[in-house]
């Protein structure tokens, strides 16, 4: 059991924390990349998430003239991973059905149990039975076509507020982290930025 927790801890550090705090992009660009990665990672788009972040990066850079750290954005989508994807996506589905029911937009009850959802999704994501392309196609069909828009609607209740909070948190604490790093090197923060921070 301890080995499993150590593995999870290592994966969280390697895939989520390290890319953010080792980034040399300006703080705003790192925080924005983190927020975009968080938003996309909290949508039911398994297999497409890194591509979606890349497409957003292209649109931001060339159409909106807005930059964010692409490497950080693509790393943060790992928030939905083999350890979290099943309960996260089922939570999105339950939330979506609840919202549509309360708002009067739909009266259909959720008939899929967590066990059935877990079983079907795990079969679709089985790399021993399916190729990467099949996983993307079948996973997308199951999540967004077979289950319909309630899952996507439900995901927005998590993706929007958590991406905003992520931006605020990273912008604040990354600055503190970099200031501390500069002090340990015997530099003031402005000098550290001149030397190490990537120029926009």
C-alpha atoms as a PDB file:
ATOM      1  CA  UNK A   1       0.000   0.000   0.000  1.00  0.00           C
ATOM      2  CA  UNK A   2       2.851   2.404   0.855  1.00  0.00           C
ATOM      3  CA  UNK A   3       4.427   1.647  -2.523  1.00  0.00           C
ATOM      4  CA  UNK A   4       1.190   2.675  -4.267  1.00  0.00           C
ATOM      5  CA  UNK A   5       1.036   5.976  -2.347  1.00  0.00           C
ATOM      6  CA  UNK A   6       4.707   6.655  -3.135  1.00  0.00           C
ATOM      7  CA  UNK A   7       4.023   6.014  -6.813  1.00  0.00           C
ATOM      8  CA  UNK A   8       0.998   8.333  -6.800  1.00  0.00           C
ATOM      9  CA  UNK A   9       2.949  11.022  -4.939  1.00  0.00           C
ATOM     10  CA  UNK A  10       5.827  10.755  -7.403  1.00  0.00           C
ATOM     11  CA  UNK A  11       3.472  10.969 -10.379  1.00  0.00           C
ATOM     12  CA  UNK A  12       1.712  14.044  -8.942  1.00  0.00           C
ATOM     13  CA  UNK A  13       5.052  15.774  -8.336  1.00  0.00           C
ATOM     14  CA  UNK A  14       6.522  14.821 -11.728  1.00  0.00           C
ATOM     15  CA  UNK A  15       3.455  15.553 -13.835  1.00  0.00           C
ATOM     16  CA  UNK A  16       1.708  18.420 -12.037  1.00  0.00           C
ATOM     17  CA  UNK A  17       3.975  20.283  -9.617  1.00  0.00           C
ATOM     18  CA  UNK A  18       7.444  20.116 -11.174  1.00  0.00           C
ATOM     19  CA  UNK A  19       6.491  21.520 -14.626  1.00  0.00           C
ATOM     20  CA  UNK A  20       4.873  24.576 -13.005  1.00  0.00           C
ATOM     21  CA  UNK A  21       7.650  25.428 -10.572  1.00  0.00           C
ATOM     22  CA  UNK A  22      10.463  24.712 -13.042  1.00  0.00           C
ATOM     23  CA  UNK A  23       8.895  26.902 -15.718  1.00  0.00           C
ATOM     24  CA  UNK A  24      10.919  29.989 -16.652  1.00  0.00           C
ATOM     25  CA  UNK A  25       8.029  31.694 -18.430  1.00  0.00           C
ATOM     26  CA  UNK A  26       6.729  34.955 -16.991  1.00  0.00           C
ATOM     27  CA  UNK A  27       4.412  34.312 -14.061  1.00  0.00           C
ATOM     28  CA  UNK A  28       1.264  35.353 -15.932  1.00  0.00           C
ATOM     29  CA  UNK A  29       2.069  32.966 -18.808  1.00  0.00           C
ATOM     30  CA  UNK A  30       2.773  30.077 -16.431  1.00  0.00           C
ATOM     31  CA  UNK A  31      -0.396  30.744 -14.416  1.00  0.00           C
ATOM     32  CA  UNK A  32      -2.480  31.020 -17.592  1.00  0.00           C
ATOM     33  CA  UNK A  33      -1.004  27.779 -18.946  1.00  0.00           C
ATOM     34  CA  UNK A  34      -1.848  26.077 -15.665  1.00  0.00           C
ATOM     35  CA  UNK A  35      -5.422  27.405 -15.739  1.00  0.00           C
ATOM     36  CA  UNK A  36      -5.984  26.333 -19.353  1.00  0.00           C
ATOM     37  CA  UNK A  37      -4.523  22.900 -18.665  1.00  0.00           C
ATOM     38  CA  UNK A  38      -6.746  22.569 -15.598  1.00  0.00           C
ATOM     39  CA  UNK A  39      -9.846  23.583 -17.570  1.00  0.00           C
ATOM     40  CA  UNK A  40      -9.184  21.115 -20.394  1.00  0.00           C
ATOM     41  CA  UNK A  41      -8.139  18.375 -17.956  1.00  0.00           C
ATOM     42  CA  UNK A  42     -11.503  18.702 -16.230  1.00  0.00           C
ATOM     43  CA  UNK A  43     -13.508  18.091 -19.394  1.00  0.00           C
ATOM     44  CA  UNK A  44     -14.482  14.615 -20.654  1.00  0.00           C
ATOM     45  CA  UNK A  45     -12.096  14.704 -23.608  1.00  0.00           C
ATOM     46  CA  UNK A  46      -9.800  11.812 -22.729  1.00  0.00           C
ATOM     47  CA  UNK A  47      -7.121  11.215 -25.359  1.00  0.00           C
ATOM     48  CA  UNK A  48      -7.623  14.636 -26.941  1.00  0.00           C
ATOM     49  CA  UNK A  49      -6.674  16.895 -24.060  1.00  0.00           C
ATOM     50  CA  UNK A  50      -3.079  17.677 -25.042  1.00  0.00           C
ATOM     51  CA  UNK A  51      -4.185  18.353 -28.604  1.00  0.00           C
ATOM     52  CA  UNK A  52      -6.937  20.667 -27.360  1.00  0.00           C
ATOM     53  CA  UNK A  53      -4.412  22.633 -25.262  1.00  0.00           C
ATOM     54  CA  UNK A  54      -2.142  22.848 -28.313  1.00  0.00           C
ATOM     55  CA  UNK A  55      -4.997  24.176 -30.478  1.00  0.00           C
ATOM     56  CA  UNK A  56      -5.872  26.757 -27.794  1.00  0.00           C
ATOM     57  CA  UNK A  57      -2.180  27.750 -27.660  1.00  0.00           C
ATOM     58  CA  UNK A  58      -2.114  28.273 -31.443  1.00  0.00           C
ATOM     59  CA  UNK A  59      -5.330  30.327 -31.347  1.00  0.00           C
ATOM     60  CA  UNK A  60      -4.075  32.433 -28.429  1.00  0.00           C
ATOM     61  CA  UNK A  61      -0.649  33.041 -29.953  1.00  0.00           C
ATOM     62  CA  UNK A  62      -1.611  33.789 -33.547  1.00  0.00           C
ATOM     63  CA  UNK A  63      -5.163  35.127 -33.307  1.00  0.00           C
ATOM     64  CA  UNK A  64      -5.385  36.738 -29.868  1.00  0.00           C
ATOM     65  CA  UNK A  65      -1.667  37.627 -29.513  1.00  0.00           C
ATOM     66  CA  UNK A  66      -1.811  36.105 -26.032  1.00  0.00           C
ATOM     67  CA  UNK A  67       0.895  33.805 -24.729  1.00  0.00           C
ATOM     68  CA  UNK A  68       0.837  31.018 -22.190  1.00  0.00           C
ATOM     69  CA  UNK A  69       3.272  28.260 -21.301  1.00  0.00           C
ATOM     70  CA  UNK A  70       2.350  25.360 -23.589  1.00  0.00           C
ATOM     71  CA  UNK A  71       4.480  22.798 -21.725  1.00  0.00           C
ATOM     72  CA  UNK A  72       2.778  23.649 -18.434  1.00  0.00           C
ATOM     73  CA  UNK A  73      -0.676  23.540 -20.051  1.00  0.00           C
ATOM     74  CA  UNK A  74      -0.108  20.112 -21.573  1.00  0.00           C
ATOM     75  CA  UNK A  75       1.365  18.796 -18.305  1.00  0.00           C
ATOM     76  CA  UNK A  76      -1.572  19.928 -16.163  1.00  0.00           C
ATOM     77  CA  UNK A  77      -4.148  17.963 -18.191  1.00  0.00           C
ATOM     78  CA  UNK A  78      -2.698  14.948 -16.332  1.00  0.00           C
ATOM     79  CA  UNK A  79      -5.126  15.975 -13.566  1.00  0.00           C
ATOM     80  CA  UNK A  80      -7.386  13.467 -15.319  1.00  0.00           C
ATOM     81  CA  UNK A  81      -5.291  10.316 -15.250  1.00  0.00           C
ATOM     82  CA  UNK A  82      -5.762   6.579 -14.706  1.00  0.00           C
ATOM     83  CA  UNK A  83      -6.121   7.166 -10.939  1.00  0.00           C
ATOM     84  CA  UNK A  84      -8.800   9.876 -11.181  1.00  0.00           C
ATOM     85  CA  UNK A  85     -10.616   9.566 -14.493  1.00  0.00           C
ATOM     86  CA  UNK A  86     -13.370   7.150 -13.431  1.00  0.00           C
ATOM     87  CA  UNK A  87     -14.737   8.951 -10.380  1.00  0.00           C
ATOM     88  CA  UNK A  88     -14.153  12.381 -11.973  1.00  0.00           C
ATOM     89  CA  UNK A  89     -16.083  11.569 -15.121  1.00  0.00           C
ATOM     90  CA  UNK A  90     -18.882   9.847 -13.240  1.00  0.00           C
ATOM     91  CA  UNK A  91     -19.069  12.917 -10.979  1.00  0.00           C
ATOM     92  CA  UNK A  92     -19.411  15.095 -14.097  1.00  0.00           C
ATOM     93  CA  UNK A  93     -22.224  12.865 -15.315  1.00  0.00           C
ATOM     94  CA  UNK A  94     -24.121  12.955 -12.010  1.00  0.00           C
ATOM     95  CA  UNK A  95     -23.671  16.735 -11.750  1.00  0.00           C
ATOM     96  CA  UNK A  96     -24.875  17.255 -15.317  1.00  0.00           C
ATOM     97  CA  UNK A  97     -28.004  15.169 -14.776  1.00  0.00           C
ATOM     98  CA  UNK A  98     -28.716  16.949 -11.489  1.00  0.00           C
ATOM     99  CA  UNK A  99     -28.373  20.400 -13.078  1.00  0.00           C
ATOM    100  CA  UNK A 100     -30.550  19.523 -16.073  1.00  0.00           C
ATOM    101  CA  UNK A 101     -33.187  18.058 -13.755  1.00  0.00           C
ATOM    102  CA  UNK A 102     -33.213  21.064 -11.371  1.00  0.00           C
ATOM    103  CA  UNK A 103     -33.284  23.546 -14.252  1.00  0.00           C
ATOM    104  CA  UNK A 104     -36.170  21.709 -15.918  1.00  0.00           C
ATOM    105  CA  UNK A 105     -34.227  21.124 -19.133  1.00  0.00           C
ATOM    106  CA  UNK A 106     -34.471  17.363 -18.765  1.00  0.00           C
ATOM    107  CA  UNK A 107     -36.422  14.976 -16.569  1.00  0.00           C
ATOM    108  CA  UNK A 108     -34.597  11.789 -17.603  1.00  0.00           C
ATOM    109  CA  UNK A 109     -33.029  10.073 -14.572  1.00  0.00           C
ATOM    110  CA  UNK A 110     -29.455   8.814 -14.562  1.00  0.00           C
ATOM    111  CA  UNK A 111     -29.754   5.064 -15.132  1.00  0.00           C
ATOM    112  CA  UNK A 112     -26.051   4.203 -15.283  1.00  0.00           C
ATOM    113  CA  UNK A 113     -24.512   3.011 -12.012  1.00  0.00           C
ATOM    114  CA  UNK A 114     -20.907   3.790 -11.133  1.00  0.00           C
ATOM    115  CA  UNK A 115     -20.016   0.088 -11.460  1.00  0.00           C
ATOM    116  CA  UNK A 116     -21.463  -0.078 -14.995  1.00  0.00           C
ATOM    117  CA  UNK A 117     -19.789   3.201 -15.949  1.00  0.00           C
ATOM    118  CA  UNK A 118     -16.423   2.005 -14.580  1.00  0.00           C
ATOM    119  CA  UNK A 119     -16.709  -1.334 -16.365  1.00  0.00           C
ATOM    120  CA  UNK A 120     -17.607   0.125 -19.759  1.00  0.00           C
ATOM    121  CA  UNK A 121     -15.053   2.953 -19.671  1.00  0.00           C
ATOM    122  CA  UNK A 122     -12.238   0.675 -18.483  1.00  0.00           C
ATOM    123  CA  UNK A 123     -12.962  -1.700 -21.400  1.00  0.00           C
ATOM    124  CA  UNK A 124     -12.831   1.204 -23.855  1.00  0.00           C
ATOM    125  CA  UNK A 125      -9.518   2.448 -22.409  1.00  0.00           C
ATOM    126  CA  UNK A 126      -7.861  -0.977 -22.335  1.00  0.00           C
ATOM    127  CA  UNK A 127      -4.588  -0.579 -24.246  1.00  0.00           C
ATOM    128  CA  UNK A 128      -4.291  -4.369 -24.627  1.00  0.00           C
ATOM    129  CA  UNK A 129      -7.498  -4.517 -26.663  1.00  0.00           C
ATOM    130  CA  UNK A 130      -7.460  -1.185 -28.511  1.00  0.00           C
ATOM    131  CA  UNK A 131      -5.011   1.056 -30.327  1.00  0.00           C
ATOM    132  CA  UNK A 132      -4.527   4.696 -29.294  1.00  0.00           C
ATOM    133  CA  UNK A 133      -6.779   5.906 -32.124  1.00  0.00           C
ATOM    134  CA  UNK A 134      -9.510   3.426 -31.159  1.00  0.00           C
ATOM    135  CA  UNK A 135      -9.295   4.556 -27.530  1.00  0.00           C
ATOM    136  CA  UNK A 136      -9.718   8.205 -28.559  1.00  0.00           C
ATOM    137  CA  UNK A 137     -12.606   7.476 -30.945  1.00  0.00           C
ATOM    138  CA  UNK A 138     -14.428   4.997 -28.695  1.00  0.00           C
ATOM    139  CA  UNK A 139     -13.822   7.022 -25.520  1.00  0.00           C
ATOM    140  CA  UNK A 140     -15.098  10.224 -27.148  1.00  0.00           C
ATOM    141  CA  UNK A 141     -18.145   8.427 -28.544  1.00  0.00           C
ATOM    142  CA  UNK A 142     -19.013   6.892 -25.167  1.00  0.00           C
ATOM    143  CA  UNK A 143     -18.482  10.067 -23.137  1.00  0.00           C
ATOM    144  CA  UNK A 144     -19.950  12.692 -25.452  1.00  0.00           C
ATOM    145  CA  UNK A 145     -22.325  10.781 -27.759  1.00  0.00           C
ATOM    146  CA  UNK A 146     -23.618   7.753 -25.849  1.00  0.00           C
ATOM    147  CA  UNK A 147     -23.852   9.605 -22.531  1.00  0.00           C
ATOM    148  CA  UNK A 148     -24.741  12.877 -24.249  1.00  0.00           C
ATOM    149  CA  UNK A 149     -24.213  16.458 -23.185  1.00  0.00           C
ATOM    150  CA  UNK A 150     -25.002  16.015 -19.436  1.00  0.00           C
ATOM    151  CA  UNK A 151     -21.413  14.923 -18.830  1.00  0.00           C
ATOM    152  CA  UNK A 152     -19.996  17.947 -20.660  1.00  0.00           C
ATOM    153  CA  UNK A 153     -22.405  20.293 -18.861  1.00  0.00           C
ATOM    154  CA  UNK A 154     -21.516  18.725 -15.512  1.00  0.00           C
ATOM    155  CA  UNK A 155     -17.778  19.075 -16.163  1.00  0.00           C
ATOM    156  CA  UNK A 156     -18.127  22.859 -16.561  1.00  0.00           C
ATOM    157  CA  UNK A 157     -19.243  23.163 -12.923  1.00  0.00           C
ATOM    158  CA  UNK A 158     -15.751  21.981 -11.963  1.00  0.00           C
ATOM    159  CA  UNK A 159     -13.618  23.176 -14.884  1.00  0.00           C
ATOM    160  CA  UNK A 160     -14.578  26.865 -14.781  1.00  0.00           C
ATOM    161  CA  UNK A 161     -14.163  27.661 -11.056  1.00  0.00           C
ATOM    162  CA  UNK A 162     -11.135  25.400 -10.561  1.00  0.00           C
ATOM    163  CA  UNK A 163      -9.283  26.881 -13.542  1.00  0.00           C
ATOM    164  CA  UNK A 164      -9.908  30.413 -12.203  1.00  0.00           C
ATOM    165  CA  UNK A 165      -8.745  29.423  -8.705  1.00  0.00           C
ATOM    166  CA  UNK A 166      -5.713  27.692 -10.199  1.00  0.00           C
ATOM    167  CA  UNK A 167      -4.709  30.861 -12.052  1.00  0.00           C
ATOM    168  CA  UNK A 168      -4.989  32.967  -8.877  1.00  0.00           C
ATOM    169  CA  UNK A 169      -3.153  30.411  -6.715  1.00  0.00           C
ATOM    170  CA  UNK A 170      -0.271  29.849  -9.147  1.00  0.00           C
ATOM    171  CA  UNK A 171       0.168  33.556  -9.865  1.00  0.00           C
ATOM    172  CA  UNK A 172       0.501  34.279  -6.148  1.00  0.00           C
ATOM    173  CA  UNK A 173       2.591  31.334  -4.988  1.00  0.00           C
ATOM    174  CA  UNK A 174       4.866  31.064  -8.007  1.00  0.00           C
ATOM    175  CA  UNK A 175       6.023  34.637  -7.349  1.00  0.00           C
ATOM    176  CA  UNK A 176       6.775  33.769  -3.706  1.00  0.00           C
ATOM    177  CA  UNK A 177       8.624  30.631  -4.816  1.00  0.00           C
ATOM    178  CA  UNK A 178      10.749  32.553  -7.324  1.00  0.00           C
ATOM    179  CA  UNK A 179      11.533  35.296  -4.819  1.00  0.00           C
ATOM    180  CA  UNK A 180      12.705  32.640  -2.348  1.00  0.00           C
ATOM    181  CA  UNK A 181      14.764  30.975  -5.075  1.00  0.00           C
ATOM    182  CA  UNK A 182      16.394  34.323  -5.925  1.00  0.00           C
ATOM    183  CA  UNK A 183      17.265  34.961  -2.261  1.00  0.00           C
ATOM    184  CA  UNK A 184      18.930  31.550  -1.982  1.00  0.00           C
ATOM    185  CA  UNK A 185      21.081  32.487  -4.973  1.00  0.00           C
ATOM    186  CA  UNK A 186      21.971  35.839  -3.423  1.00  0.00           C
ATOM    187  CA  UNK A 187      19.994  37.809  -6.013  1.00  0.00           C
ATOM    188  CA  UNK A 188      17.119  40.216  -5.780  1.00  0.00           C
ATOM    189  CA  UNK A 189      13.985  39.172  -7.629  1.00  0.00           C
ATOM    190  CA  UNK A 190      14.368  41.648 -10.509  1.00  0.00           C
ATOM    191  CA  UNK A 191      17.925  40.476 -11.165  1.00  0.00           C
ATOM    192  CA  UNK A 192      16.792  36.830 -11.053  1.00  0.00           C
ATOM    193  CA  UNK A 193      14.147  37.627 -13.644  1.00  0.00           C
ATOM    194  CA  UNK A 194      16.706  39.310 -15.914  1.00  0.00           C
ATOM    195  CA  UNK A 195      18.923  36.240 -15.818  1.00  0.00           C
ATOM    196  CA  UNK A 196      16.478  33.321 -15.763  1.00  0.00           C
ATOM    197  CA  UNK A 197      12.986  34.345 -16.870  1.00  0.00           C
ATOM    198  CA  UNK A 198      12.128  33.777 -20.505  1.00  0.00           C
ATOM    199  CA  UNK A 199      11.329  37.051 -22.215  1.00  0.00           C
ATOM    200  CA  UNK A 200       7.841  37.457 -23.678  1.00  0.00           C
END
